[in-house]
Amino acid sequence: MGGGSRESPTGDTLAGLVERLAVALERSNVLDYTVLLQRPWRMVWLNFVGGMARGLGIGLGFTVLTAILLYALRGLMVANLPVIGDLIATIVRLVEQRLRP
């Protein structure tokens, strides 16, 4: 039982396993997580900023999609398609009926 190298059942040496573990931990950013856990207010701040950015992105995205939809509807109204006109008239009628007491 001489020699300093120990092998796992898969044939890797202990040093090789430690090296693979170190690389895996480095790739998973464990250090970043432990720093965040040690400073919880930093995590709160990062989550707040991330939430604000997501909210802004949702707002801007919704605005752009609505503008595109309205632009397309305006083009259909200019074309004066009877199907679209009938659909809009039906919607207006339903809204007026709903608003009556």
PDB file of N, CA and C in Angstrom:
ATOM      1  N   MET A   1       0.825  -1.179   0.000  1.00  0.00           N
ATOM      2  CA  MET A   1       0.000   0.000   0.000  1.00  0.00           C
ATOM      3  C   MET A   1       0.866   1.239   0.000  1.00  0.00           C
ATOM      4  N   GLY A   2       1.890   1.218  -0.754  1.00  0.00           N
ATOM      5  CA  GLY A   2       2.753   2.377  -0.841  1.00  0.00           C
ATOM      6  C   GLY A   2       2.223   3.340  -1.878  1.00  0.00           C
ATOM      7  N   GLY A   3       2.927   4.410  -2.086  1.00  0.00           N
ATOM      8  CA  GLY A   3       2.524   5.397  -3.078  1.00  0.00           C
ATOM      9  C   GLY A   3       1.482   6.331  -2.529  1.00  0.00           C
ATOM     10  N   GLY A   4       1.538   7.553  -2.959  1.00  0.00           N
ATOM     11  CA  GLY A   4       0.620   8.545  -2.417  1.00  0.00           C
ATOM     12  C   GLY A   4      -0.612   8.764  -3.261  1.00  0.00           C
ATOM     13  N   SER A   5      -0.754   8.052  -4.364  1.00  0.00           N
ATOM     14  CA  SER A   5      -1.912   8.341  -5.205  1.00  0.00           C
ATOM     15  C   SER A   5      -3.016   7.344  -4.917  1.00  0.00           C
ATOM     16  N   ARG A   6      -4.156   7.861  -4.618  1.00  0.00           N
ATOM     17  CA  ARG A   6      -5.325   7.015  -4.374  1.00  0.00           C
ATOM     18  C   ARG A   6      -6.253   7.175  -5.563  1.00  0.00           C
ATOM     19  N   GLU A   7      -6.843   6.088  -5.997  1.00  0.00           N
ATOM     20  CA  GLU A   7      -7.729   6.146  -7.150  1.00  0.00           C
ATOM     21  C   GLU A   7      -9.155   5.870  -6.731  1.00  0.00           C
ATOM     22  N   SER A   8     -10.076   6.572  -7.388  1.00  0.00           N
ATOM     23  CA  SER A   8     -11.496   6.341  -7.147  1.00  0.00           C
ATOM     24  C   SER A   8     -11.930   5.158  -7.994  1.00  0.00           C
ATOM     25  N   PRO A   9     -13.156   4.663  -7.778  1.00  0.00           N
ATOM     26  CA  PRO A   9     -13.642   3.543  -8.603  1.00  0.00           C
ATOM     27  C   PRO A   9     -13.648   3.857 -10.095  1.00  0.00           C
ATOM     28  N   THR A  10     -13.705   5.145 -10.460  1.00  0.00           N
ATOM     29  CA  THR A  10     -13.713   5.495 -11.885  1.00  0.00           C
ATOM     30  C   THR A  10     -12.311   5.633 -12.441  1.00  0.00           C
ATOM     31  N   GLY A  11     -11.281   5.517 -11.575  1.00  0.00           N
ATOM     32  CA  GLY A  11      -9.917   5.572 -12.063  1.00  0.00           C
ATOM     33  C   GLY A  11      -9.268   6.935 -11.893  1.00  0.00           C
ATOM     34  N   ASP A  12      -9.977   7.939 -11.384  1.00  0.00           N
ATOM     35  CA  ASP A  12      -9.400   9.266 -11.181  1.00  0.00           C
ATOM     36  C   ASP A  12      -8.575   9.282  -9.904  1.00  0.00           C
ATOM     37  N   THR A  13      -7.522  10.034  -9.912  1.00  0.00           N
ATOM     38  CA  THR A  13      -6.737  10.201  -8.693  1.00  0.00           C
ATOM     39  C   THR A  13      -7.427  11.218  -7.804  1.00  0.00           C
ATOM     40  N   LEU A  14      -7.046  11.229  -6.547  1.00  0.00           N
ATOM     41  CA  LEU A  14      -7.640  12.166  -5.597  1.00  0.00           C
ATOM     42  C   LEU A  14      -7.363  13.605  -6.017  1.00  0.00           C
ATOM     43  N   ALA A  15      -6.170  13.858  -6.495  1.00  0.00           N
ATOM     44  CA  ALA A  15      -5.821  15.210  -6.947  1.00  0.00           C
ATOM     45  C   ALA A  15      -6.683  15.611  -8.148  1.00  0.00           C
ATOM     46  N   GLY A  16      -6.936  14.663  -9.029  1.00  0.00           N
ATOM     47  CA  GLY A  16      -7.790  14.950 -10.186  1.00  0.00           C
ATOM     48  C   GLY A  16      -9.216  15.258  -9.776  1.00  0.00           C
ATOM     49  N   LEU A  17      -9.715  14.506  -8.792  1.00  0.00           N
ATOM     50  CA  LEU A  17     -11.071  14.760  -8.292  1.00  0.00           C
ATOM     51  C   LEU A  17     -11.174  16.126  -7.624  1.00  0.00           C
ATOM     52  N   VAL A  18     -10.151  16.470  -6.839  1.00  0.00           N
ATOM     53  CA  VAL A  18     -10.145  17.784  -6.180  1.00  0.00           C
ATOM     54  C   VAL A  18     -10.103  18.888  -7.226  1.00  0.00           C
ATOM     55  N   GLU A  19      -9.313  18.697  -8.257  1.00  0.00           N
ATOM     56  CA  GLU A  19      -9.225  19.698  -9.328  1.00  0.00           C
ATOM     57  C   GLU A  19     -10.572  19.852 -10.042  1.00  0.00           C
ATOM     58  N   ARG A  20     -11.226  18.731 -10.335  1.00  0.00           N
ATOM     59  CA  ARG A  20     -12.542  18.803 -10.991  1.00  0.00           C
ATOM     60  C   ARG A  20     -13.563  19.478 -10.097  1.00  0.00           C
ATOM     61  N   LEU A  21     -13.502  19.191  -8.778  1.00  0.00           N
ATOM     62  CA  LEU A  21     -14.408  19.833  -7.830  1.00  0.00           C
ATOM     63  C   LEU A  21     -14.158  21.334  -7.776  1.00  0.00           C
ATOM     64  N   ALA A  22     -12.895  21.742  -7.777  1.00  0.00           N
ATOM     65  CA  ALA A  22     -12.554  23.166  -7.747  1.00  0.00           C
ATOM     66  C   ALA A  22     -13.077  23.876  -8.994  1.00  0.00           C
ATOM     67  N   VAL A  23     -12.929  23.242 -10.145  1.00  0.00           N
ATOM     68  CA  VAL A  23     -13.423  23.841 -11.391  1.00  0.00           C
ATOM     69  C   VAL A  23     -14.945  23.939 -11.367  1.00  0.00           C
ATOM     70  N   ALA A  24     -15.612  22.899 -10.866  1.00  0.00           N
ATOM     71  CA  ALA A  24     -17.084  22.916 -10.805  1.00  0.00           C
ATOM     72  C   ALA A  24     -17.575  24.008  -9.868  1.00  0.00           C
ATOM     73  N   LEU A  25     -16.912  24.166  -8.721  1.00  0.00           N
ATOM     74  CA  LEU A  25     -17.306  25.225  -7.786  1.00  0.00           C
ATOM     75  C   LEU A  25     -17.061  26.604  -8.382  1.00  0.00           C
ATOM     76  N   GLU A  26     -15.973  26.745  -9.120  1.00  0.00           N
ATOM     77  CA  GLU A  26     -15.673  28.025  -9.752  1.00  0.00           C
ATOM     78  C   GLU A  26     -16.736  28.366 -10.801  1.00  0.00           C
ATOM     79  N   ARG A  27     -17.138  27.376 -11.570  1.00  0.00           N
ATOM     80  CA  ARG A  27     -18.157  27.606 -12.603  1.00  0.00           C
ATOM     81  C   ARG A  27     -19.516  27.941 -12.004  1.00  0.00           C
ATOM     82  N   SER A  28     -19.815  27.404 -10.826  1.00  0.00           N
ATOM     83  CA  SER A  28     -21.129  27.648 -10.227  1.00  0.00           C
ATOM     84  C   SER A  28     -21.176  28.943  -9.418  1.00  0.00           C
ATOM     85  N   ASN A  29     -20.085  29.689  -9.384  1.00  0.00           N
ATOM     86  CA  ASN A  29     -20.025  30.990  -8.700  1.00  0.00           C
ATOM     87  C   ASN A  29     -20.407  30.898  -7.229  1.00  0.00           C
ATOM     88  N   VAL A  30     -19.929  29.885  -6.550  1.00  0.00           N
ATOM     89  CA  VAL A  30     -20.226  29.714  -5.128  1.00  0.00           C
ATOM     90  C   VAL A  30     -19.706  30.902  -4.333  1.00  0.00           C
ATOM     91  N   LEU A  31     -18.562  31.446  -4.722  1.00  0.00           N
ATOM     92  CA  LEU A  31     -17.997  32.588  -4.003  1.00  0.00           C
ATOM     93  C   LEU A  31     -18.954  33.779  -4.043  1.00  0.00           C
ATOM     94  N   ASP A  32     -19.556  34.040  -5.201  1.00  0.00           N
ATOM     95  CA  ASP A  32     -20.508  35.154  -5.304  1.00  0.00           C
ATOM     96  C   ASP A  32     -21.700  34.944  -4.380  1.00  0.00           C
ATOM     97  N   TYR A  33     -22.183  33.719  -4.301  1.00  0.00           N
ATOM     98  CA  TYR A  33     -23.324  33.436  -3.428  1.00  0.00           C
ATOM     99  C   TYR A  33     -22.965  33.614  -1.961  1.00  0.00           C
ATOM    100  N   THR A  34     -21.783  33.172  -1.574  1.00  0.00           N
ATOM    101  CA  THR A  34     -21.398  33.331  -0.168  1.00  0.00           C
ATOM    102  C   THR A  34     -21.202  34.793   0.185  1.00  0.00           C
ATOM    103  N   VAL A  35     -20.680  35.602  -0.737  1.00  0.00           N
ATOM    104  CA  VAL A  35     -20.544  37.045  -0.483  1.00  0.00           C
ATOM    105  C   VAL A  35     -21.922  37.664  -0.307  1.00  0.00           C
ATOM    106  N   LEU A  36     -22.875  37.274  -1.142  1.00  0.00           N
ATOM    107  CA  LEU A  36     -24.234  37.809  -1.008  1.00  0.00           C
ATOM    108  C   LEU A  36     -24.873  37.381   0.307  1.00  0.00           C
ATOM    109  N   LEU A  37     -24.620  36.161   0.730  1.00  0.00           N
ATOM    110  CA  LEU A  37     -25.194  35.697   1.991  1.00  0.00           C
ATOM    111  C   LEU A  37     -24.582  36.415   3.187  1.00  0.00           C
ATOM    112  N   GLN A  38     -23.337  36.829   3.068  1.00  0.00           N
ATOM    113  CA  GLN A  38     -22.691  37.555   4.156  1.00  0.00           C
ATOM    114  C   GLN A  38     -23.158  39.006   4.218  1.00  0.00           C
ATOM    115  N   ARG A  39     -23.632  39.546   3.111  1.00  0.00           N
ATOM    116  CA  ARG A  39     -24.110  40.931   3.069  1.00  0.00           C
ATOM    117  C   ARG A  39     -25.541  40.937   2.531  1.00  0.00           C
ATOM    118  N   PRO A  40     -26.530  40.678   3.395  1.00  0.00           N
ATOM    119  CA  PRO A  40     -27.915  40.544   2.927  1.00  0.00           C
ATOM    120  C   PRO A  40     -28.482  41.836   2.334  1.00  0.00           C
ATOM    121  N   TRP A  41     -28.036  43.002   2.794  1.00  0.00           N
ATOM    122  CA  TRP A  41     -28.567  44.246   2.227  1.00  0.00           C
ATOM    123  C   TRP A  41     -28.141  44.416   0.774  1.00  0.00           C
ATOM    124  N   ARG A  42     -26.982  43.875   0.423  1.00  0.00           N
ATOM    125  CA  ARG A  42     -26.561  43.913  -0.985  1.00  0.00           C
ATOM    126  C   ARG A  42     -27.503  43.060  -1.830  1.00  0.00           C
ATOM    127  N   MET A  43     -27.912  41.916  -1.290  1.00  0.00           N
ATOM    128  CA  MET A  43     -28.850  41.060  -2.013  1.00  0.00           C
ATOM    129  C   MET A  43     -30.196  41.765  -2.167  1.00  0.00           C
ATOM    130  N   VAL A  44     -30.642  42.445  -1.115  1.00  0.00           N
ATOM    131  CA  VAL A  44     -31.903  43.190  -1.190  1.00  0.00           C
ATOM    132  C   VAL A  44     -31.793  44.274  -2.260  1.00  0.00           C
ATOM    133  N   TRP A  45     -30.680  44.998  -2.270  1.00  0.00           N
ATOM    134  CA  TRP A  45     -30.486  46.071  -3.248  1.00  0.00           C
ATOM    135  C   TRP A  45     -30.460  45.508  -4.673  1.00  0.00           C
ATOM    136  N   LEU A  46     -29.730  44.419  -4.883  1.00  0.00           N
ATOM    137  CA  LEU A  46     -29.664  43.824  -6.221  1.00  0.00           C
ATOM    138  C   LEU A  46     -31.035  43.330  -6.685  1.00  0.00           C
ATOM    139  N   ASN A  47     -31.807  42.744  -5.786  1.00  0.00           N
ATOM    140  CA  ASN A  47     -33.150  42.293  -6.149  1.00  0.00           C
ATOM    141  C   ASN A  47     -34.063  43.473  -6.447  1.00  0.00           C
ATOM    142  N   PHE A  48     -33.916  44.563  -5.691  1.00  0.00           N
ATOM    143  CA  PHE A  48     -34.722  45.759  -5.939  1.00  0.00           C
ATOM    144  C   PHE A  48     -34.413  46.335  -7.320  1.00  0.00           C
ATOM    145  N   VAL A  49     -33.123  46.485  -7.619  1.00  0.00           N
ATOM    146  CA  VAL A  49     -32.726  47.038  -8.921  1.00  0.00           C
ATOM    147  C   VAL A  49     -33.170  46.109 -10.050  1.00  0.00           C
ATOM    148  N   GLY A  50     -33.030  44.806  -9.854  1.00  0.00           N
ATOM    149  CA  GLY A  50     -33.482  43.854 -10.872  1.00  0.00           C
ATOM    150  C   GLY A  50     -34.982  43.932 -11.103  1.00  0.00           C
ATOM    151  N   GLY A  51     -35.744  44.085 -10.023  1.00  0.00           N
ATOM    152  CA  GLY A  51     -37.195  44.223 -10.153  1.00  0.00           C
ATOM    153  C   GLY A  51     -37.586  45.497 -10.882  1.00  0.00           C
ATOM    154  N   MET A  52     -36.877  46.587 -10.575  1.00  0.00           N
ATOM    155  CA  MET A  52     -37.153  47.848 -11.272  1.00  0.00           C
ATOM    156  C   MET A  52     -36.854  47.718 -12.768  1.00  0.00           C
ATOM    157  N   ALA A  53     -35.753  47.068 -13.097  1.00  0.00           N
ATOM    158  CA  ALA A  53     -35.393  46.883 -14.505  1.00  0.00           C
ATOM    159  C   ALA A  53     -36.422  46.014 -15.222  1.00  0.00           C
ATOM    160  N   ARG A  54     -36.883  44.952 -14.558  1.00  0.00           N
ATOM    161  CA  ARG A  54     -37.912  44.103 -15.177  1.00  0.00           C
ATOM    162  C   ARG A  54     -39.202  44.886 -15.381  1.00  0.00           C
ATOM    163  N   GLY A  55     -39.588  45.666 -14.385  1.00  0.00           N
ATOM    164  CA  GLY A  55     -40.805  46.465 -14.508  1.00  0.00           C
ATOM    165  C   GLY A  55     -40.706  47.470 -15.642  1.00  0.00           C
ATOM    166  N   LEU A  56     -39.560  48.124 -15.751  1.00  0.00           N
ATOM    167  CA  LEU A  56     -39.349  49.078 -16.836  1.00  0.00           C
ATOM    168  C   LEU A  56     -39.393  48.370 -18.188  1.00  0.00           C
ATOM    169  N   GLY A  57     -38.779  47.199 -18.267  1.00  0.00           N
ATOM    170  CA  GLY A  57     -38.789  46.437 -19.516  1.00  0.00           C
ATOM    171  C   GLY A  57     -40.191  46.005 -19.916  1.00  0.00           C
ATOM    172  N   ILE A  58     -40.976  45.581 -18.930  1.00  0.00           N
ATOM    173  CA  ILE A  58     -42.358  45.183 -19.216  1.00  0.00           C
ATOM    174  C   ILE A  58     -43.154  46.385 -19.699  1.00  0.00           C
ATOM    175  N   GLY A  59     -42.976  47.525 -19.030  1.00  0.00           N
ATOM    176  CA  GLY A  59     -43.706  48.733 -19.424  1.00  0.00           C
ATOM    177  C   GLY A  59     -43.347  49.186 -20.828  1.00  0.00           C
ATOM    178  N   LEU A  60     -42.055  49.222 -21.127  1.00  0.00           N
ATOM    179  CA  LEU A  60     -41.629  49.638 -22.465  1.00  0.00           C
ATOM    180  C   LEU A  60     -42.074  48.635 -23.527  1.00  0.00           C
ATOM    181  N   GLY A  61     -41.956  47.359 -23.230  1.00  0.00           N
ATOM    182  CA  GLY A  61     -42.379  46.339 -24.191  1.00  0.00           C
ATOM    183  C   GLY A  61     -43.866  46.409 -24.484  1.00  0.00           C
ATOM    184  N   PHE A  62     -44.666  46.594 -23.422  1.00  0.00           N
ATOM    185  CA  PHE A  62     -46.107  46.709 -23.611  1.00  0.00           C
ATOM    186  C   PHE A  62     -46.445  47.947 -24.436  1.00  0.00           C
ATOM    187  N   THR A  63     -45.741  49.054 -24.179  1.00  0.00           N
ATOM    188  CA  THR A  63     -45.979  50.285 -24.930  1.00  0.00           C
ATOM    189  C   THR A  63     -45.659  50.097 -26.407  1.00  0.00           C
ATOM    190  N   VAL A  64     -44.536  49.467 -26.701  1.00  0.00           N
ATOM    191  CA  VAL A  64     -44.144  49.254 -28.097  1.00  0.00           C
ATOM    192  C   VAL A  64     -45.136  48.325 -28.796  1.00  0.00           C
ATOM    193  N   LEU A  65     -45.523  47.233 -28.148  1.00  0.00           N
ATOM    194  CA  LEU A  65     -46.484  46.312 -28.767  1.00  0.00           C
ATOM    195  C   LEU A  65     -47.836  46.973 -28.990  1.00  0.00           C
ATOM    196  N   THR A  66     -48.281  47.788 -28.036  1.00  0.00           N
ATOM    197  CA  THR A  66     -49.552  48.496 -28.200  1.00  0.00           C
ATOM    198  C   THR A  66     -49.472  49.485 -29.350  1.00  0.00           C
ATOM    199  N   ALA A  67     -48.353  50.198 -29.465  1.00  0.00           N
ATOM    200  CA  ALA A  67     -48.187  51.148 -30.566  1.00  0.00           C
ATOM    201  C   ALA A  67     -48.218  50.432 -31.913  1.00  0.00           C
ATOM    202  N   ILE A  68     -47.565  49.284 -31.994  1.00  0.00           N
ATOM    203  CA  ILE A  68     -47.575  48.515 -33.246  1.00  0.00           C
ATOM    204  C   ILE A  68     -48.987  48.036 -33.568  1.00  0.00           C
ATOM    205  N   LEU A  69     -49.698  47.559 -32.561  1.00  0.00           N
ATOM    206  CA  LEU A  69     -51.071  47.094 -32.764  1.00  0.00           C
ATOM    207  C   LEU A  69     -51.972  48.240 -33.223  1.00  0.00           C
ATOM    208  N   LEU A  70     -51.854  49.395 -32.570  1.00  0.00           N
ATOM    209  CA  LEU A  70     -52.679  50.542 -32.966  1.00  0.00           C
ATOM    210  C   LEU A  70     -52.331  51.018 -34.372  1.00  0.00           C
ATOM    211  N   TYR A  71     -51.051  50.988 -34.719  1.00  0.00           N
ATOM    212  CA  TYR A  71     -50.638  51.376 -36.063  1.00  0.00           C
ATOM    213  C   TYR A  71     -51.242  50.425 -37.097  1.00  0.00           C
ATOM    214  N   ALA A  72     -51.229  49.129 -36.795  1.00  0.00           N
ATOM    215  CA  ALA A  72     -51.810  48.147 -37.716  1.00  0.00           C
ATOM    216  C   ALA A  72     -53.320  48.332 -37.821  1.00  0.00           C
ATOM    217  N   LEU A  73     -53.987  48.580 -36.689  1.00  0.00           N
ATOM    218  CA  LEU A  73     -55.435  48.816 -36.728  1.00  0.00           C
ATOM    219  C   LEU A  73     -55.770  50.082 -37.503  1.00  0.00           C
ATOM    220  N   ARG A  74     -54.935  51.108 -37.355  1.00  0.00           N
ATOM    221  CA  ARG A  74     -55.166  52.343 -38.103  1.00  0.00           C
ATOM    222  C   ARG A  74     -55.067  52.077 -39.605  1.00  0.00           C
ATOM    223  N   GLY A  75     -54.102  51.254 -39.983  1.00  0.00           N
ATOM    224  CA  GLY A  75     -53.968  50.893 -41.392  1.00  0.00           C
ATOM    225  C   GLY A  75     -55.177  50.128 -41.892  1.00  0.00           C
ATOM    226  N   LEU A  76     -55.732  49.257 -41.048  1.00  0.00           N
ATOM    227  CA  LEU A  76     -56.934  48.522 -41.440  1.00  0.00           C
ATOM    228  C   LEU A  76     -58.142  49.450 -41.528  1.00  0.00           C
ATOM    229  N   MET A  77     -58.206  50.437 -40.643  1.00  0.00           N
ATOM    230  CA  MET A  77     -59.327  51.385 -40.689  1.00  0.00           C
ATOM    231  C   MET A  77     -59.257  52.233 -41.960  1.00  0.00           C
ATOM    232  N   VAL A  78     -58.042  52.623 -42.347  1.00  0.00           N
ATOM    233  CA  VAL A  78     -57.873  53.415 -43.563  1.00  0.00           C
ATOM    234  C   VAL A  78     -58.289  52.590 -44.773  1.00  0.00           C
ATOM    235  N   ALA A  79     -58.002  51.295 -44.742  1.00  0.00           N
ATOM    236  CA  ALA A  79     -58.384  50.418 -45.844  1.00  0.00           C
ATOM    237  C   ALA A  79     -59.893  50.206 -45.887  1.00  0.00           C
ATOM    238  N   ASN A  80     -60.577  50.544 -44.787  1.00  0.00           N
ATOM    239  CA  ASN A  80     -62.034  50.471 -44.689  1.00  0.00           C
ATOM    240  C   ASN A  80     -62.547  49.066 -45.006  1.00  0.00           C
ATOM    241  N   LEU A  81     -61.971  48.094 -44.341  1.00  0.00           N
ATOM    242  CA  LEU A  81     -62.420  46.719 -44.527  1.00  0.00           C
ATOM    243  C   LEU A  81     -63.742  46.517 -43.794  1.00  0.00           C
ATOM    244  N   PRO A  82     -64.739  45.931 -44.447  1.00  0.00           N
ATOM    245  CA  PRO A  82     -66.047  45.780 -43.820  1.00  0.00           C
ATOM    246  C   PRO A  82     -66.025  44.873 -42.586  1.00  0.00           C
ATOM    247  N   VAL A  83     -65.200  43.864 -42.572  1.00  0.00           N
ATOM    248  CA  VAL A  83     -65.160  42.943 -41.433  1.00  0.00           C
ATOM    249  C   VAL A  83     -64.680  43.674 -40.186  1.00  0.00           C
ATOM    250  N   ILE A  84     -63.638  44.462 -40.327  1.00  0.00           N
ATOM    251  CA  ILE A  84     -63.099  45.204 -39.188  1.00  0.00           C
ATOM    252  C   ILE A  84     -64.098  46.258 -38.736  1.00  0.00           C
ATOM    253  N   GLY A  85     -64.728  46.932 -39.685  1.00  0.00           N
ATOM    254  CA  GLY A  85     -65.731  47.944 -39.333  1.00  0.00           C
ATOM    255  C   GLY A  85     -66.900  47.331 -38.576  1.00  0.00           C
ATOM    256  N   ASP A  86     -67.363  46.167 -39.016  1.00  0.00           N
ATOM    257  CA  ASP A  86     -68.459  45.485 -38.316  1.00  0.00           C
ATOM    258  C   ASP A  86     -68.031  45.046 -36.919  1.00  0.00           C
ATOM    259  N   LEU A  87     -66.814  44.572 -36.797  1.00  0.00           N
ATOM    260  CA  LEU A  87     -66.306  44.152 -35.495  1.00  0.00           C
ATOM    261  C   LEU A  87     -66.244  45.334 -34.528  1.00  0.00           C
ATOM    262  N   ILE A  88     -65.729  46.452 -34.997  1.00  0.00           N
ATOM    263  CA  ILE A  88     -65.639  47.641 -34.142  1.00  0.00           C
ATOM    264  C   ILE A  88     -67.031  48.142 -33.790  1.00  0.00           C
ATOM    265  N   ALA A  89     -67.955  48.115 -34.738  1.00  0.00           N
ATOM    266  CA  ALA A  89     -69.327  48.547 -34.458  1.00  0.00           C
ATOM    267  C   ALA A  89     -69.971  47.648 -33.410  1.00  0.00           C
ATOM    268  N   THR A  90     -69.730  46.350 -33.488  1.00  0.00           N
ATOM    269  CA  THR A  90     -70.267  45.422 -32.486  1.00  0.00           C
ATOM    270  C   THR A  90     -69.685  45.714 -31.112  1.00  0.00           C
ATOM    271  N   ILE A  91     -68.403  45.968 -31.055  1.00  0.00           N
ATOM    272  CA  ILE A  91     -67.763  46.291 -29.772  1.00  0.00           C
ATOM    273  C   ILE A  91     -68.342  47.573 -29.201  1.00  0.00           C
ATOM    274  N   VAL A  92     -68.534  48.586 -30.037  1.00  0.00           N
ATOM    275  CA  VAL A  92     -69.107  49.858 -29.569  1.00  0.00           C
ATOM    276  C   VAL A  92     -70.517  49.633 -29.052  1.00  0.00           C
ATOM    277  N   ARG A  93     -71.318  48.836 -29.766  1.00  0.00           N
ATOM    278  CA  ARG A  93     -72.682  48.546 -29.326  1.00  0.00           C
ATOM    279  C   ARG A  93     -72.696  47.841 -27.972  1.00  0.00           C
ATOM    280  N   LEU A  94     -71.822  46.859 -27.802  1.00  0.00           N
ATOM    281  CA  LEU A  94     -71.746  46.139 -26.530  1.00  0.00           C
ATOM    282  C   LEU A  94     -71.345  47.065 -25.383  1.00  0.00           C
ATOM    283  N   VAL A  95     -70.415  47.950 -25.638  1.00  0.00           N
ATOM    284  CA  VAL A  95     -69.984  48.889 -24.598  1.00  0.00           C
ATOM    285  C   VAL A  95     -71.117  49.840 -24.246  1.00  0.00           C
ATOM    286  N   GLU A  96     -71.831  50.337 -25.258  1.00  0.00           N
ATOM    287  CA  GLU A  96     -72.948  51.254 -24.987  1.00  0.00           C
ATOM    288  C   GLU A  96     -74.047  50.558 -24.191  1.00  0.00           C
ATOM    289  N   GLN A  97     -74.346  49.304 -24.520  1.00  0.00           N
ATOM    290  CA  GLN A  97     -75.364  48.565 -23.769  1.00  0.00           C
ATOM    291  C   GLN A  97     -74.926  48.353 -22.327  1.00  0.00           C
ATOM    292  N   ARG A  98     -73.680  48.109 -22.127  1.00  0.00           N
ATOM    293  CA  ARG A  98     -73.162  47.872 -20.778  1.00  0.00           C
ATOM    294  C   ARG A  98     -73.202  49.154 -19.944  1.00  0.00           C
ATOM    295  N   LEU A  99     -73.026  50.299 -20.581  1.00  0.00           N
ATOM    296  CA  LEU A  99     -72.993  51.570 -19.854  1.00  0.00           C
ATOM    297  C   LEU A  99     -74.383  52.090 -19.512  1.00  0.00           C
ATOM    298  N   ARG A 100     -75.404  51.621 -20.221  1.00  0.00           N
ATOM    299  CA  ARG A 100     -76.772  52.082 -19.922  1.00  0.00           C
ATOM    300  C   ARG A 100     -77.231  51.551 -18.573  1.00  0.00           C
ATOM    301  N   PRO A 101     -77.947  52.392 -17.783  1.00  0.00           N
ATOM    302  CA  PRO A 101     -78.436  51.938 -16.465  1.00  0.00           C
ATOM    303  C   PRO A 101     -79.612  50.999 -16.571  1.00  0.00           C
TER     304      PRO A 101
END
